[in-house]
Amino acid sequence: MEEERIGFIGIVIEEMNQAPRVNQVISQYQEVVIGRIGVPDHENSRAVIGLLVRGSDAQVGAFTGKLGNVPGVQVKSAMTKK
């Protein structure tokens, strides 16, 4: 089994009509999410979500991959080395 690491996933939603899809993906991976903060920018119709995660490289990679495939969404992540 792969070693679990802690990390951060930053999500920028530039097309707010995609927010339900982003939340659906986050729900699919809720077992790796240990914290969440979301900041809407209603004036410019966009939002930023920050997730603290704990999981294997494979889990986090699959998670960020699904998020990155949502149109109008940008994703960046950083994980601890150990």
C-alpha atoms as a PDB file:
ATOM      1  CA  MET A   1       0.000   0.000   0.000  1.00  0.00           C
ATOM      2  CA  GLU A   2       1.243   3.475  -0.849  1.00  0.00           C
ATOM      3  CA  GLU A   3       2.270   5.842   1.912  1.00  0.00           C
ATOM      4  CA  GLU A   4      -0.219   8.566   2.776  1.00  0.00           C
ATOM      5  CA  ARG A   5       0.937  12.158   2.622  1.00  0.00           C
ATOM      6  CA  ILE A   6      -0.669  15.478   3.490  1.00  0.00           C
ATOM      7  CA  GLY A   7      -1.129  18.181   0.899  1.00  0.00           C
ATOM      8  CA  PHE A   8      -3.136  21.050  -0.498  1.00  0.00           C
ATOM      9  CA  ILE A   9      -5.321  21.305  -3.597  1.00  0.00           C
ATOM     10  CA  GLY A  10      -6.185  24.768  -4.921  1.00  0.00           C
ATOM     11  CA  ILE A  11      -9.189  25.010  -7.234  1.00  0.00           C
ATOM     12  CA  VAL A  12     -10.188  28.078  -9.249  1.00  0.00           C
ATOM     13  CA  ILE A  13     -13.661  27.944 -10.742  1.00  0.00           C
ATOM     14  CA  GLU A  14     -13.843  30.443 -13.584  1.00  0.00           C
ATOM     15  CA  GLU A  15     -17.247  29.262 -14.862  1.00  0.00           C
ATOM     16  CA  MET A  16     -19.667  29.147 -11.935  1.00  0.00           C
ATOM     17  CA  ASN A  17     -22.046  26.862 -13.793  1.00  0.00           C
ATOM     18  CA  GLN A  18     -19.362  24.182 -13.196  1.00  0.00           C
ATOM     19  CA  ALA A  19     -19.521  24.541  -9.390  1.00  0.00           C
ATOM     20  CA  PRO A  20     -22.007  21.664  -8.968  1.00  0.00           C
ATOM     21  CA  ARG A  21     -19.703  19.361 -10.964  1.00  0.00           C
ATOM     22  CA  VAL A  22     -16.701  20.400  -8.845  1.00  0.00           C
ATOM     23  CA  ASN A  23     -18.655  19.684  -5.651  1.00  0.00           C
ATOM     24  CA  GLN A  24     -19.698  16.308  -7.054  1.00  0.00           C
ATOM     25  CA  VAL A  25     -16.062  15.347  -7.649  1.00  0.00           C
ATOM     26  CA  ILE A  26     -15.079  16.568  -4.166  1.00  0.00           C
ATOM     27  CA  SER A  27     -17.849  14.391  -2.700  1.00  0.00           C
ATOM     28  CA  GLN A  28     -16.509  11.373  -4.606  1.00  0.00           C
ATOM     29  CA  TYR A  29     -13.136  11.845  -2.892  1.00  0.00           C
ATOM     30  CA  GLN A  30     -14.402  12.910   0.533  1.00  0.00           C
ATOM     31  CA  GLU A  31     -12.330  10.197   2.246  1.00  0.00           C
ATOM     32  CA  VAL A  32      -9.119  12.119   1.447  1.00  0.00           C
ATOM     33  CA  VAL A  33     -10.438  15.620   2.279  1.00  0.00           C
ATOM     34  CA  ILE A  34      -9.563  16.712   5.821  1.00  0.00           C
ATOM     35  CA  GLY A  35     -10.338  20.432   5.453  1.00  0.00           C
ATOM     36  CA  ARG A  36     -12.009  22.825   3.041  1.00  0.00           C
ATOM     37  CA  ILE A  37     -12.366  26.562   2.557  1.00  0.00           C
ATOM     38  CA  GLY A  38     -14.280  28.237  -0.229  1.00  0.00           C
ATOM     39  CA  VAL A  39     -14.321  31.895  -1.205  1.00  0.00           C
ATOM     40  CA  PRO A  40     -16.864  33.038  -3.793  1.00  0.00           C
ATOM     41  CA  ASP A  41     -16.269  36.125  -5.928  1.00  0.00           C
ATOM     42  CA  HIS A  42     -19.872  36.902  -6.827  1.00  0.00           C
ATOM     43  CA  GLU A  43     -18.960  40.185  -8.490  1.00  0.00           C
ATOM     44  CA  ASN A  44     -16.835  38.391 -11.099  1.00  0.00           C
ATOM     45  CA  SER A  45     -18.778  35.103 -11.134  1.00  0.00           C
ATOM     46  CA  ARG A  46     -15.904  32.871 -10.003  1.00  0.00           C
ATOM     47  CA  ALA A  47     -14.713  31.116  -6.853  1.00  0.00           C
ATOM     48  CA  VAL A  48     -11.654  29.654  -5.172  1.00  0.00           C
ATOM     49  CA  ILE A  49     -11.665  26.463  -3.099  1.00  0.00           C
ATOM     50  CA  GLY A  50      -8.776  25.251  -0.965  1.00  0.00           C
ATOM     51  CA  LEU A  51      -8.671  21.623   0.183  1.00  0.00           C
ATOM     52  CA  LEU A  52      -6.381  20.005   2.738  1.00  0.00           C
ATOM     53  CA  VAL A  53      -5.982  16.358   1.813  1.00  0.00           C
ATOM     54  CA  ARG A  54      -4.425  13.173   3.181  1.00  0.00           C
ATOM     55  CA  GLY A  55      -3.925  10.253   0.841  1.00  0.00           C
ATOM     56  CA  SER A  56      -1.662   8.313  -1.469  1.00  0.00           C
ATOM     57  CA  ASP A  57      -0.164   9.757  -4.633  1.00  0.00           C
ATOM     58  CA  ALA A  58      -2.593   7.644  -6.653  1.00  0.00           C
ATOM     59  CA  GLN A  59      -5.653   8.910  -4.758  1.00  0.00           C
ATOM     60  CA  VAL A  60      -4.673  12.568  -4.930  1.00  0.00           C
ATOM     61  CA  GLY A  61      -3.581  12.233  -8.562  1.00  0.00           C
ATOM     62  CA  ALA A  62      -6.920  10.720  -9.561  1.00  0.00           C
ATOM     63  CA  PHE A  63      -8.746  13.421  -7.589  1.00  0.00           C
ATOM     64  CA  THR A  64      -6.872  16.338  -9.170  1.00  0.00           C
ATOM     65  CA  GLY A  65      -7.140  14.701 -12.586  1.00  0.00           C
ATOM     66  CA  LYS A  66     -10.931  14.561 -12.385  1.00  0.00           C
ATOM     67  CA  LEU A  67     -11.108  18.140 -11.136  1.00  0.00           C
ATOM     68  CA  GLY A  68      -8.774  19.315 -13.911  1.00  0.00           C
ATOM     69  CA  ASN A  69     -11.025  17.738 -16.548  1.00  0.00           C
ATOM     70  CA  VAL A  70     -13.959  19.954 -15.566  1.00  0.00           C
ATOM     71  CA  PRO A  71     -14.216  22.794 -18.135  1.00  0.00           C
ATOM     72  CA  GLY A  72     -13.586  26.262 -16.713  1.00  0.00           C
ATOM     73  CA  VAL A  73     -11.718  24.888 -13.672  1.00  0.00           C
ATOM     74  CA  GLN A  74      -8.002  25.193 -12.854  1.00  0.00           C
ATOM     75  CA  VAL A  75      -6.317  22.950 -10.294  1.00  0.00           C
ATOM     76  CA  LYS A  76      -2.917  23.015  -8.584  1.00  0.00           C
ATOM     77  CA  SER A  77      -1.656  20.759  -5.829  1.00  0.00           C
ATOM     78  CA  ALA A  78       1.295  20.399  -3.478  1.00  0.00           C
ATOM     79  CA  MET A  79       2.109  17.393  -1.305  1.00  0.00           C
ATOM     80  CA  THR A  80       4.581  16.710   1.486  1.00  0.00           C
ATOM     81  CA  LYS A  81       7.618  14.692   0.434  1.00  0.00           C
ATOM     82  CA  LYS A  82       7.027  12.093   3.160  1.00  0.00           C
END
